[in-house]
Protein backbone atom coordinates (compact mmCIF):
# COMPACT_ATOMS: atom_id res chain seq x y z
CA MET A 1 26.48 -58.28 19.82
CA GLU A 2 26.72 -55.26 17.57
CA THR A 3 25.18 -51.86 18.03
CA TYR A 4 22.79 -50.95 15.19
CA ARG A 5 21.73 -47.41 14.39
CA LEU A 6 19.27 -46.16 11.74
CA ASN A 7 18.67 -42.50 10.84
CA SER A 8 15.98 -40.91 8.67
CA LYS A 9 15.38 -37.23 7.89
CA LEU A 10 12.09 -35.61 6.94
CA ASN A 11 11.76 -31.96 5.91
CA ASP A 12 8.42 -30.24 6.41
CA ASN A 13 7.11 -26.88 7.59
CA ASP A 14 10.64 -25.46 7.05
CA LYS A 15 11.88 -27.82 9.76
CA GLU A 16 14.04 -30.92 9.82
CA TYR A 17 12.69 -34.00 11.61
CA LEU A 18 15.40 -36.55 12.45
CA ILE A 19 14.34 -40.05 13.49
CA THR A 20 17.14 -42.14 14.99
CA THR A 21 16.74 -45.69 16.29
CA SER A 22 19.37 -47.88 17.94
CA ASN A 23 19.99 -50.70 20.40
CA ASP A 24 21.93 -50.44 23.65
CA ILE A 25 23.98 -53.58 24.29
CA SER A 26 24.68 -52.88 27.95
CA MET A 27 21.09 -52.05 28.80
CA GLY A 28 19.43 -54.58 26.47
CA THR A 29 17.07 -51.97 25.03
CA ILE A 30 15.81 -50.50 21.76
CA SER A 31 15.28 -46.74 21.65
CA SER A 32 13.97 -44.33 19.06
CA GLU A 33 14.31 -40.54 19.28
CA ILE A 34 12.76 -37.71 17.25
CA TYR A 35 14.68 -34.48 16.89
CA ILE A 36 13.16 -31.29 15.44
CA ASP A 37 15.86 -28.94 14.17
CA GLY A 38 18.33 -30.64 16.50
CA PHE A 39 16.21 -30.56 19.64
CA LEU A 40 14.84 -33.74 21.20
CA ALA A 41 11.06 -33.80 21.00
CA ASP A 42 9.88 -37.37 21.62
CA TYR A 43 11.42 -40.75 22.38
CA ILE A 44 10.56 -44.33 23.25
CA LYS A 45 12.66 -47.00 24.92
CA PHE A 46 11.78 -50.64 25.57
CA PRO A 47 13.75 -53.76 26.59
CA HIS A 48 14.33 -56.72 24.32
CA PRO A 49 14.68 -60.35 25.56
CA GLU A 50 18.05 -61.17 27.15
CA ARG A 51 18.57 -64.21 24.96
CA ILE A 52 18.20 -62.89 21.48
CA LYS A 53 20.16 -63.29 18.27
CA ALA A 54 21.93 -60.39 16.63
CA GLU A 55 19.75 -60.63 13.52
CA GLU A 56 16.61 -60.47 15.72
CA VAL A 57 17.91 -57.29 17.39
CA LEU A 58 18.55 -55.79 13.95
CA SER A 59 15.04 -56.74 12.90
CA LEU A 60 13.61 -55.05 15.98
CA VAL A 61 15.62 -51.89 15.28
CA LYS A 62 14.42 -51.84 11.67
CA THR A 63 10.77 -52.48 12.63
CA THR A 64 10.77 -49.83 15.36
CA HIS A 65 12.44 -47.31 13.10
CA GLY A 66 10.03 -47.97 10.25
CA GLU A 67 6.99 -47.60 12.51
CA LYS A 68 8.26 -44.37 14.02
CA LYS A 69 9.13 -42.91 10.60
CA LYS A 70 5.67 -43.85 9.29
CA GLU A 71 4.05 -42.32 12.35
CA ILE A 72 5.78 -38.97 11.78
CA GLU A 73 5.07 -38.97 8.03
CA THR A 74 1.42 -39.66 8.73
CA LEU A 75 1.27 -37.00 11.44
CA LEU A 76 2.76 -34.35 9.18
CA SER A 77 0.50 -35.35 6.29
CA VAL A 78 -2.62 -35.08 8.45
CA TYR A 79 -1.40 -31.73 9.80
CA HIS A 80 -1.62 -30.14 6.34
CA GLU A 81 -5.01 -31.69 5.74
CA VAL A 82 -6.48 -30.54 9.05
CA ILE A 83 -4.92 -27.07 9.06
CA ASN A 84 -6.71 -26.37 5.79
CA SER A 85 -9.98 -28.05 6.78
CA GLY A 86 -11.47 -25.07 8.56
CA ILE A 87 -12.88 -27.42 11.24
CA ALA A 88 -11.85 -26.19 14.72
CA GLU A 89 -12.61 -29.50 16.45
CA LYS A 90 -10.28 -31.43 14.14
CA MET A 91 -7.55 -28.88 14.75
CA TYR A 92 -8.00 -29.16 18.49
CA ALA A 93 -7.88 -33.00 18.41
CA LEU A 94 -4.74 -33.04 16.26
CA GLY A 95 -3.23 -30.27 18.37
CA LEU A 96 -3.45 -32.55 21.38
CA ALA A 97 -1.54 -35.24 19.50
CA PHE A 98 1.22 -32.79 18.57
CA PHE A 99 1.28 -31.29 22.10
CA TYR A 100 1.79 -34.68 23.83
CA LYS A 101 4.55 -35.52 21.37
CA ARG A 102 6.21 -32.18 22.18
CA PHE A 103 5.76 -30.89 18.64
CA TYR A 104 4.94 -27.52 20.15
CA LEU A 105 5.17 -25.26 17.11
CA GLU A 106 2.69 -27.40 15.22
CA SER A 107 0.35 -27.73 18.18
CA ARG A 108 0.43 -24.00 18.77
CA GLN A 109 -0.60 -23.28 15.18
CA LEU A 110 -3.45 -25.83 15.39
CA PHE A 111 -4.77 -24.49 18.71
CA TYR A 112 -4.43 -20.91 17.51
CA ASN A 113 -6.33 -21.61 14.29
CA ALA A 114 -9.01 -23.43 16.26
CA THR A 115 -9.56 -20.40 18.53
CA SER A 116 -9.72 -18.14 15.49
CA ILE A 117 -12.45 -20.24 13.88
CA LYS A 118 -14.54 -21.14 16.95
CA GLU A 119 -15.55 -18.36 19.32
CA ASN A 120 -15.01 -18.97 23.02
CA TYR A 121 -13.10 -22.21 22.43
CA TYR A 122 -11.83 -22.37 25.98
CA GLU A 123 -10.40 -25.88 25.71
CA ALA A 124 -8.12 -24.79 22.88
CA CYS A 125 -7.18 -21.63 24.82
CA TYR A 126 -6.21 -23.76 27.78
CA TYR A 127 -3.88 -25.92 25.69
CA LEU A 128 -2.65 -22.94 23.75
CA SER A 129 -1.51 -21.49 27.08
CA LYS A 130 0.22 -24.75 28.03
CA THR A 131 1.94 -24.82 24.61
CA GLU A 132 3.13 -21.21 24.86
CA LEU A 133 4.46 -21.95 28.36
CA ALA A 134 6.35 -24.98 27.02
CA LEU A 135 7.86 -22.72 24.35
CA GLY A 136 8.90 -20.16 26.98
CA ASN A 137 6.44 -17.48 25.84
CA ILE A 138 5.26 -16.53 29.30
CA GLN A 139 3.24 -13.43 28.44
CA LYS A 140 1.24 -15.33 25.80
CA ALA A 141 0.84 -18.25 28.21
CA VAL A 142 -0.67 -15.93 30.81
CA GLU A 143 -2.91 -14.29 28.24
CA PHE A 144 -4.49 -17.50 26.96
CA ALA A 145 -4.65 -19.05 30.43
CA GLN A 146 -6.59 -15.98 31.62
CA ILE A 147 -9.01 -16.30 28.67
CA ALA A 148 -9.69 -19.94 29.61
CA VAL A 149 -10.21 -19.03 33.27
CA ASN A 150 -12.51 -16.15 32.42
CA GLN A 151 -14.72 -18.47 30.40
CA ARG A 152 -14.63 -21.34 32.92
CA PRO A 153 -13.69 -19.84 36.34
CA SER A 154 -14.74 -22.99 38.24
CA TYR A 155 -12.32 -25.33 36.45
CA ALA A 156 -9.52 -26.22 38.81
CA ASP A 157 -7.19 -27.29 35.96
CA TYR A 158 -7.54 -23.88 34.33
CA ARG A 159 -6.76 -22.14 37.63
CA ASN A 160 -3.72 -24.31 38.21
CA ASN A 161 -2.47 -23.63 34.66
CA LEU A 162 -2.88 -19.88 35.13
CA GLY A 163 -0.94 -20.23 38.37
CA GLU A 164 1.89 -22.04 36.56
CA ALA A 165 2.05 -19.28 33.93
CA PHE A 166 2.17 -16.61 36.69
CA MET A 167 4.87 -18.63 38.50
CA ALA A 168 6.97 -18.84 35.31
CA GLY A 169 6.62 -15.05 35.01
CA LYS A 170 7.80 -14.59 38.62
CA MET A 171 4.37 -13.22 39.64
CA TYR A 172 4.42 -15.33 42.77
CA LYS A 173 1.55 -13.71 44.69
CA LYS A 174 -0.81 -14.06 41.73
CA ALA A 175 0.35 -17.66 41.23
CA SER A 176 -0.30 -18.54 44.88
CA LEU A 177 -3.79 -17.11 44.67
CA GLU A 178 -4.60 -19.29 41.61
CA PHE A 179 -3.26 -22.43 43.29
CA GLU A 180 -5.31 -21.60 46.36
CA ARG A 181 -8.42 -21.14 44.18
CA ALA A 182 -7.79 -24.45 42.46
CA ILE A 183 -7.54 -26.19 45.83
CA ASN A 184 -10.76 -24.50 47.00
CA ILE A 185 -12.48 -25.89 43.92
CA ASN A 186 -11.05 -29.33 44.41
CA LEU A 187 -9.60 -30.23 47.82
CA TYR A 188 -7.95 -33.34 46.30
CA TYR A 189 -6.02 -31.59 43.56
CA SER A 190 -2.46 -32.83 44.09
CA ASP A 191 -0.81 -30.68 41.40
CA ALA A 192 -2.19 -27.46 42.91
CA TYR A 193 -0.81 -28.42 46.37
CA PHE A 194 2.55 -29.26 44.82
CA ASN A 195 2.69 -26.04 42.85
CA TYR A 196 1.77 -24.05 45.94
CA GLY A 197 4.80 -25.52 47.68
CA LEU A 198 7.01 -24.70 44.68
CA VAL A 199 5.85 -21.09 44.45
CA LEU A 200 6.53 -20.48 48.17
CA LEU A 201 10.10 -21.74 47.71
CA LEU A 202 10.63 -19.66 44.56
CA ASN A 203 9.27 -16.57 46.25
CA ALA A 204 11.71 -17.01 49.15
CA LEU A 205 14.64 -17.72 46.87
CA ASN A 206 13.96 -14.57 44.85
CA ASN A 207 13.17 -12.51 47.99
CA SER A 208 10.02 -11.38 46.25
CA ASN A 209 6.63 -10.93 47.94
CA ARG A 210 6.90 -10.49 51.70
CA GLU A 211 3.30 -11.62 52.25
CA LEU A 212 4.33 -15.13 51.23
CA PHE A 213 7.24 -15.31 53.70
CA SER A 214 5.04 -16.04 56.74
CA ASN A 215 5.67 -19.67 57.81
CA PHE A 216 6.58 -20.54 54.23
CA LEU A 217 8.82 -23.44 55.29
CA SER A 218 6.14 -25.27 57.26
CA LYS A 219 3.48 -24.39 54.68
CA SER A 220 5.49 -25.69 51.73
CA PHE A 221 6.36 -28.85 53.67
CA ASP A 222 2.67 -29.34 54.34
CA TYR A 223 1.66 -28.72 50.71
CA PHE A 224 4.23 -31.18 49.35
CA THR A 225 3.14 -33.79 51.88
CA LYS A 226 -0.54 -33.36 51.04
CA ALA A 227 0.25 -33.61 47.32
CA SER A 228 2.08 -36.89 47.87
CA LEU A 229 -0.76 -38.32 49.94
CA ILE A 230 -3.25 -37.61 47.15
CA TYR A 231 -0.90 -38.73 44.41
CA PRO A 232 1.61 -41.33 45.75
CA GLY A 233 3.47 -41.22 42.41
CA TYR A 234 5.23 -38.08 43.68
CA LYS A 235 7.12 -40.22 46.24
CA ILE A 236 10.23 -40.94 44.24
CA ALA A 237 13.78 -40.63 45.61
CA SER A 238 14.03 -36.92 44.73
CA PHE A 239 10.89 -36.22 46.77
CA GLU A 240 12.35 -37.64 49.94
CA ARG A 241 15.65 -35.79 49.36
CA GLY A 242 13.60 -32.61 48.75
CA LEU A 243 11.87 -32.95 52.12
CA LYS A 244 15.26 -33.46 53.78
CA ALA A 245 16.70 -30.37 52.06
CA LEU A 246 13.66 -28.38 53.12
CA LYS A 247 14.16 -29.44 56.76
CA ASN A 248 17.78 -28.34 56.46
CA LYS A 249 16.59 -24.99 55.02
CA ASP A 250 18.53 -25.60 51.84
CA LEU A 251 15.94 -23.84 49.71
CA LYS A 252 17.75 -23.93 46.41
CA ARG A 253 18.45 -27.66 46.60
CA ALA A 254 14.90 -28.34 47.82
CA TYR A 255 13.41 -26.40 44.92
CA GLU A 256 15.60 -28.19 42.36
CA LEU A 257 14.62 -31.60 43.75
CA PHE A 258 10.90 -30.86 43.95
CA ARG A 259 10.94 -29.34 40.47
CA ASN A 260 12.56 -32.55 39.24
CA VAL A 261 9.76 -34.54 40.90
CA TYR A 262 7.05 -32.44 39.21
CA GLU A 263 8.70 -32.65 35.78
CA ASN A 264 9.10 -36.41 36.21
CA LYS A 265 5.39 -36.73 36.91
CA ASN A 266 4.47 -34.60 33.92
CA GLU A 267 6.75 -36.58 31.63
CA HIS A 268 5.22 -39.83 32.85
CA TYR A 269 1.80 -38.40 32.09
CA ARG A 270 2.87 -37.18 28.65
CA ARG A 271 4.37 -40.49 27.54
CA LYS A 272 1.47 -42.51 28.96
CA TYR A 273 -1.18 -40.67 26.94
CA ALA A 274 0.71 -39.53 23.84
CA SER A 275 -0.21 -42.72 21.99
CA TYR A 276 -3.91 -42.30 22.83
CA TYR A 277 -4.07 -38.82 21.41
CA MET A 278 -2.19 -39.98 18.34
CA LYS A 279 -4.67 -42.77 17.65
CA SER A 280 -7.76 -40.67 18.34
CA ALA A 281 -6.56 -37.77 16.18
CA LEU A 282 -5.16 -39.75 13.23
CA LEU A 283 -7.30 -42.84 13.01
CA PRO A 284 -10.58 -42.27 14.93
CA GLN A 285 -12.25 -45.01 12.96
CA ASN A 286 -9.63 -47.51 14.17
CA ILE A 287 -9.68 -46.76 17.88
CA THR A 288 -9.12 -50.09 19.62
CA GLU A 289 -11.25 -51.46 22.43
CA GLN A 290 -8.21 -51.41 24.72
CA ALA A 291 -7.44 -47.78 23.86
CA VAL A 292 -10.98 -46.78 24.80
CA TRP A 293 -10.79 -48.79 28.03
CA ASP A 294 -7.49 -47.09 28.87
CA ARG A 295 -8.98 -43.69 28.24
CA ILE A 296 -12.09 -44.44 30.31
CA TYR A 297 -9.89 -45.55 33.22
CA PHE A 298 -7.77 -42.39 32.90
CA LEU A 299 -10.85 -40.10 32.77
CA LYS A 300 -12.36 -41.72 35.83
CA GLU A 301 -9.15 -41.06 37.75
CA GLU A 302 -9.04 -37.45 36.51
CA ILE A 303 -12.65 -36.86 37.54
CA ASN A 304 -11.82 -38.17 41.00
CA ASN A 305 -8.96 -35.67 41.17
CA ASN A 306 -10.94 -32.81 39.59
CA PRO A 307 -14.67 -33.38 40.11
CA THR A 308 -15.76 -29.95 38.85
CA TYR A 309 -14.09 -30.22 35.43
CA VAL A 310 -17.07 -30.62 33.09
CA ASP A 311 -14.90 -31.37 30.03
CA LEU A 312 -13.79 -34.61 31.66
CA TYR A 313 -17.38 -35.72 32.11
CA ALA A 314 -18.23 -34.92 28.50
CA GLU A 315 -15.20 -36.79 27.19
CA LEU A 316 -15.99 -39.79 29.38
CA ALA A 317 -19.49 -39.80 27.93
CA ARG A 318 -18.02 -39.81 24.39
CA CYS A 319 -15.77 -42.72 25.33
CA TYR A 320 -18.74 -44.73 26.59
CA LEU A 321 -20.56 -44.03 23.32
CA GLU A 322 -17.46 -45.07 21.38
CA GLN A 323 -17.25 -48.21 23.45
CA GLY A 324 -20.87 -48.97 22.79
CA LYS A 325 -20.31 -48.55 19.07
CA ILE A 326 -17.34 -50.94 19.15
CA PHE A 327 -19.40 -53.61 20.92
CA TRP A 328 -22.39 -53.07 18.59
CA GLU A 329 -20.09 -53.59 15.57
CA LYS A 330 -18.71 -56.72 17.23
CA GLY A 331 -22.21 -58.03 17.82
CA ILE A 332 -23.11 -57.57 14.14
CA ALA A 333 -19.90 -59.23 13.03
CA GLN A 334 -20.55 -62.15 15.36
CA TYR A 335 -24.04 -62.68 14.03
CA LYS A 336 -22.65 -62.71 10.48
CA LYS A 337 -20.16 -65.39 11.52
CA THR A 338 -23.00 -67.35 13.10
CA LEU A 339 -24.91 -67.15 9.78
CA ASP A 340 -21.80 -68.33 7.92
CA VAL A 341 -21.62 -71.41 10.17
CA ASN A 342 -25.35 -72.12 9.81
CA PRO A 343 -27.06 -70.42 6.83
CA ASP A 344 -30.36 -72.00 7.81
CA LEU A 345 -30.78 -69.43 10.60
CA VAL A 346 -32.60 -67.15 8.19
CA ARG A 347 -34.21 -65.07 10.95
CA LEU A 348 -30.76 -63.73 11.83
CA LYS A 349 -30.69 -61.85 8.53
CA SER A 350 -33.47 -59.50 9.69
CA TYR A 351 -31.73 -59.07 13.06
CA ILE A 352 -28.49 -58.12 11.29
CA GLU A 353 -30.31 -55.64 9.05
CA SER A 354 -32.03 -54.04 12.03
CA ALA A 355 -28.75 -53.88 13.95
CA GLU A 356 -27.01 -52.26 10.99
CA ASP A 357 -29.77 -49.64 10.81
CA VAL A 358 -29.16 -48.85 14.49
CA LEU A 359 -25.42 -48.67 13.80
CA LYS A 360 -26.06 -46.01 11.17
CA THR A 361 -27.92 -43.94 13.80
CA ILE A 362 -25.08 -44.49 16.27
CA ASP A 363 -22.59 -43.28 13.60
CA MET A 364 -24.68 -40.19 12.94
CA VAL A 365 -24.92 -39.34 16.62
CA MET A 366 -21.20 -39.91 17.15
CA ASN A 367 -20.35 -37.65 14.20
CA GLU A 368 -22.58 -34.88 15.56
CA VAL A 369 -21.10 -35.25 19.06
CA ASN A 370 -17.55 -35.06 17.71
CA GLU A 371 -18.29 -32.08 15.47
CA GLN A 372 -19.84 -30.14 18.36
CA GLY A 373 -17.01 -31.17 20.72
CA TYR A 374 -19.40 -32.43 23.43
């Protein structure tokens, strides 16, 4: 079987976007990567059936490449529309889509514009901090993380994010305090425990703050263990090797392994929800029933992990409203089909009209909720 490779280039925002799609004969997979100015931003990989004809593989490569190219074209087109809209909420929603696809320069601009338009937009400040951190701009990451924390000091996620920014800036004592505060807010916050373990190792490796040296080996071991008990997804091969290295007091190796575990978890999270943010930002009117169910399930899990994060509750409420709208629309469509089958059911016409009036009210409420960001 041959190896097929397709390449497409798009130029926008003074940047080059390269989409490349190919099949891997040995692995039996199709993959598509997106490079921005030569740096890998996003990718997908999926297996194809073992028994498949060469022309079918070529067709899969072409279809995958076409879909990915169309996705990026649409994303960039909507970017220009939204950036000029003057609507902070739209910028924030699209910024999430860009952030989870690792289009960080675009997401930064969207979040920044949103904070300029809407006063005290703490959600956008939070993601602006995460974006700056991903770009390596530590001072800016700390600045925006601090703004978000000042506005919502009881949000464990915001505390943890500020701690990560401090940790990246080698401010290990400040980082440890934020991770401790996040844990005090939510005793079941796995990321905060894991980060606490990381910062203790980094502090020791850099011979930094002596206050953090006390029993740091046993403490870090305890924090990593607690994190894995709360979130079993941490328990990959690198995690077990990290614990072994920690027992052997090989701090550098332990840190490298645990950092790999944390980055693996974050990448899993990014890839899992990138498609959701894409759909909700680009085609909110076409959100599928399954996409809403997936988001509801995710939000419930996040609330269990972070029960004081009010944004999660508000977004879950929006999802339930969106779900209700989908089912209401389905009900109306089903009644119309019923009338098509039996036109003599004339009373259904008034029911359909009444249901459509209610749907207009639901649409109005949903629009207001989305515009206000609640």
